[in-house]
């Protein structure tokens, strides 16, 4: 009998059962530590089994299918095990299990066993519910491929450090909640170090991947990592000054970890979310809410003790403790603010209410006004903690006042423009930068002074066991990071600091740093490895649904239009009347350069369009019409809703005069935009216009004001005469010519002729039709049964939902295309050749996440970066409207088409067009404009792909797209967290030494 889960799920299932049994025993008052140990050990061992399908490309495991492919290197296949939602939760469970095994050696309380077992069990259950061990029902021909943005060496350090940090902090929090301090602090410090590195590495990954120069966008997942870091960093500060607060802080830390993992698995984050909230995500939310509730209970029980300890600390006026207390309060308020910002939307999203978290510009406006003052307070507390015992209260007060004055003066000067830190940013930004720099410098200087003092006093290797030296190193890293963020933040975030270049092969540019960048050569390439874009997508994914729609649109719109076009072309070539109408319309207006005079009996009516009134100006009386410098205008107007073309005849004049038999009885002397005059003739009025005769049964008089929607001259009424410049007669009747005979006006052309004339009169449409006729697409459109076969099959016709979302696309397509660019960077006597590869992962478009990955080249210039982004050129489509596509996608289709018949080419192009425009499905329906957009993309991509050649590449004709910006102080942003992490590891080593001494 087949197992309901993949074989890799057996060990985690057994581990979960053992852990659940141990938790139940602990809750019942009986210790089953051995069961817990076995469960944790099995969970750890199961990880090595779990990696096997990813390494061997065993697609029977669903996560292996969705995150691997034959073209993925072995090293990346291992990392792909934690690339998915379920795999990352299992990784968390494994690391938490390993940390639990370490602490269980000395901490065996039943409560700890229950909490540790529960958090591991929640992670294992979440992994199962998020599909970590799910079988793939249909065996694919290949893998679906790893998310293009995750195809990076940073897939190792970022998730490992982030989830490792989460797991170690959660286990340490569980131990602290149950009374274990010494060894739990070792685990805590290592977890804090990992999370600090994880946040930094995630920022750098974003910095060198997305190509905008930013490393922080207040994306909800970034914010959730910061939330855990803030809650975790609060803990050691209060451990010294308010010890009774630690249990609540530990419960809060455990809660924040699970809330952060919940945010990662919901739609709150557009960049990082794995899926919409499901049962697995809701389980994580429950695991986050439970310790918070328990923490509030602990806080309520210990409230008096917390207040008394706080009061005692304040009364002692110990400078070190006061520094810790102020920093701790700043961290506490920051953590509450950030936690609350994420917690409420998390709850709302769980109950089905649409919720969002401020991000990007709205995140800056929301978070910065609150967190910036708290950050300054924390920086101000660092000198108090580390140099306060040497300065004393008077010395510290003097330092505080001096720094405040200096910061304020700098801020005012920057605001007034006396000196400018960021020339393209608002004065407020410059002021905030200038105000923050002195505080960061003073904080860093105080820690350096303390470290130097401790080194001078120690003069021995005993400094290794000095915890406060490690703590000062950690705070030095914080000050360095803050300084880097202050200097670089606005430059990284703001696109105004970007220079844009187009480089052809052989071109050079001088970078703002003084370096020279030369574009030497380029080449396109495509992989031999393939991905399955059909088996687990067809009829299910939004890309297939949109592709199915666009193919049906193509059949109903363009294919039908081409059939009409061909019929109209035959009619046009065989019908002299149609040919004459087209010639006159194309040459209109025709200046006759003559004066035409005509008289006839008519009933003249004035219509007031604004007030819906009428007035008879003449009733079956003789009127005279004088057309000075007459011109003939034949318009072919298409109704955009029906596509029907009407033939409209206007006889214009530079000066038009109409003489009526009697004085016109109107109050105003002007007839403008809202009035209209009509003449109905007893006997048709005949006008001779060159070799054309106009026979008018009815005429509408159109002043320039009406023709130009109120912007032109009105008719002037003077007694019995109406005059107007640049006016026209709209004719109801006939037009006769020797070539065409008698043609009724206004009239309608047949749909076939209309289609031909539309295509012939519009240069863009002409170009498109010529390109289509020369391509293999033409026969598919002429004989649209081929398109029917792409969107229908006997199987799908029998299904419950019909063929909705079915596209007979190729099963296997090339995995990756790339643009290899060779650049040369020179600076003085130094030079370096850099080979840059810009990737297009085809399956990214199929998955709706887009497959283009541009390349970033950060060039170090001291603590600054010259940030260079290389992107493929864009090529404009045939249909026009300014729509353009990156050439790497066009190249990919060009190469893929070589091995496909026309029908499969069209299916693949439809999928790529759908992926390119997948965002139009956000509201679940397509407007007329969106429908036309997707259809145009399909035609453009097909034609561009068939006509592509490297010799006519846009790179050769227009150049490669290069963006450059200088980002000052950015290296401090990476250096600071490394110093902090080293400081935390340093503290962990000191604590291990202390534990060993204590045990002896």
Foldseek 3Di string as FASTA:
>chain_A
DDDQWAPLCPLLVQLLVLLVVQLVCLVVPHHPVVSNLVSLVSLLVSLVVLLVCLQVVVPQQVLSQAAHWPVQDNVVSSLSQCLALLSLLSLLLNLLSVLVNVVCVPDRRSQLSNQSSVSSSLSSVLSVVRRSTGGDPDDAPTGLHRQQLCSDPLSPLQSCLQSSLLSLLLSLLSCVLVPDDQVSLLSNLLSLLSLLQNLLSQLVSCCFFVQLLGSFWVFVLSLLSVLLNLLSVLQVLCCPQQVLLNNLSSLLSNLSSLLSSLCQQDPQGPPRHNYHDDPSSVSSNVSNVVSNVVSVVSCVVCVVSRVVSNVVLVVVVQQQSVLSVQLSVLSVVLSVVSCVQSSVCSVCSVVPHDDYGQTGPRCCVPNCVNNLVSVLSNLLSLLSNQVCVVLPPVRSVVVVVVLQVQLQVQLVCQLVPVDHLDVVDHSNLRSSLSNCQSSLVVNLVSLVVRLVVVCVVPVDPCVLLDLVNLVSLLSNLVSLQVNLCSNFVCQSSDSVQKDKDFAFAQDWDQFPVRKIKHFHDKDKDFDPIKRFLPDVQFPNALLLLQLLVLLVVCQVPVLVLVVLQVVLVVCCVVALQLVVLLVPQLPPFAFLQAKWKWKAFWWKKKAQQVVRDIDTQDDRGMKMKIAHRKTKHWHFDADPVPRWTWTWIKIWHQKIKMFDPFFGPDDDFWDAQRMKMKIAGPAFIWIDRPQKIATARMKIKFAVCNVVVRPDGTWGGDTRMTMHGGIIITGAAWMAHPRNGIDGPGDIDDSSSSSNSVCVSDPLSVQLVVLCVPDPNVVCSNVVVLSVVQQADPVQCPDPVRSRSGGPADRIATFKMWMWIWMWMGDVPDIDIDIAIWMAGLSCLSNLNGGTIWGWDWDDDDLKTWIKIWAADWDDFSNDPPDIDGVRLLQRLLVRVVPDDPSNSLSSLSSNLCSVLVVCCVVPDHDPVRSVSSNRSSSRSSSSNNPDDPVPGCCNVTRIMMMIGMRPNNNSSSSSSVSSSVSSVSSSVSSVVVVVVVVD
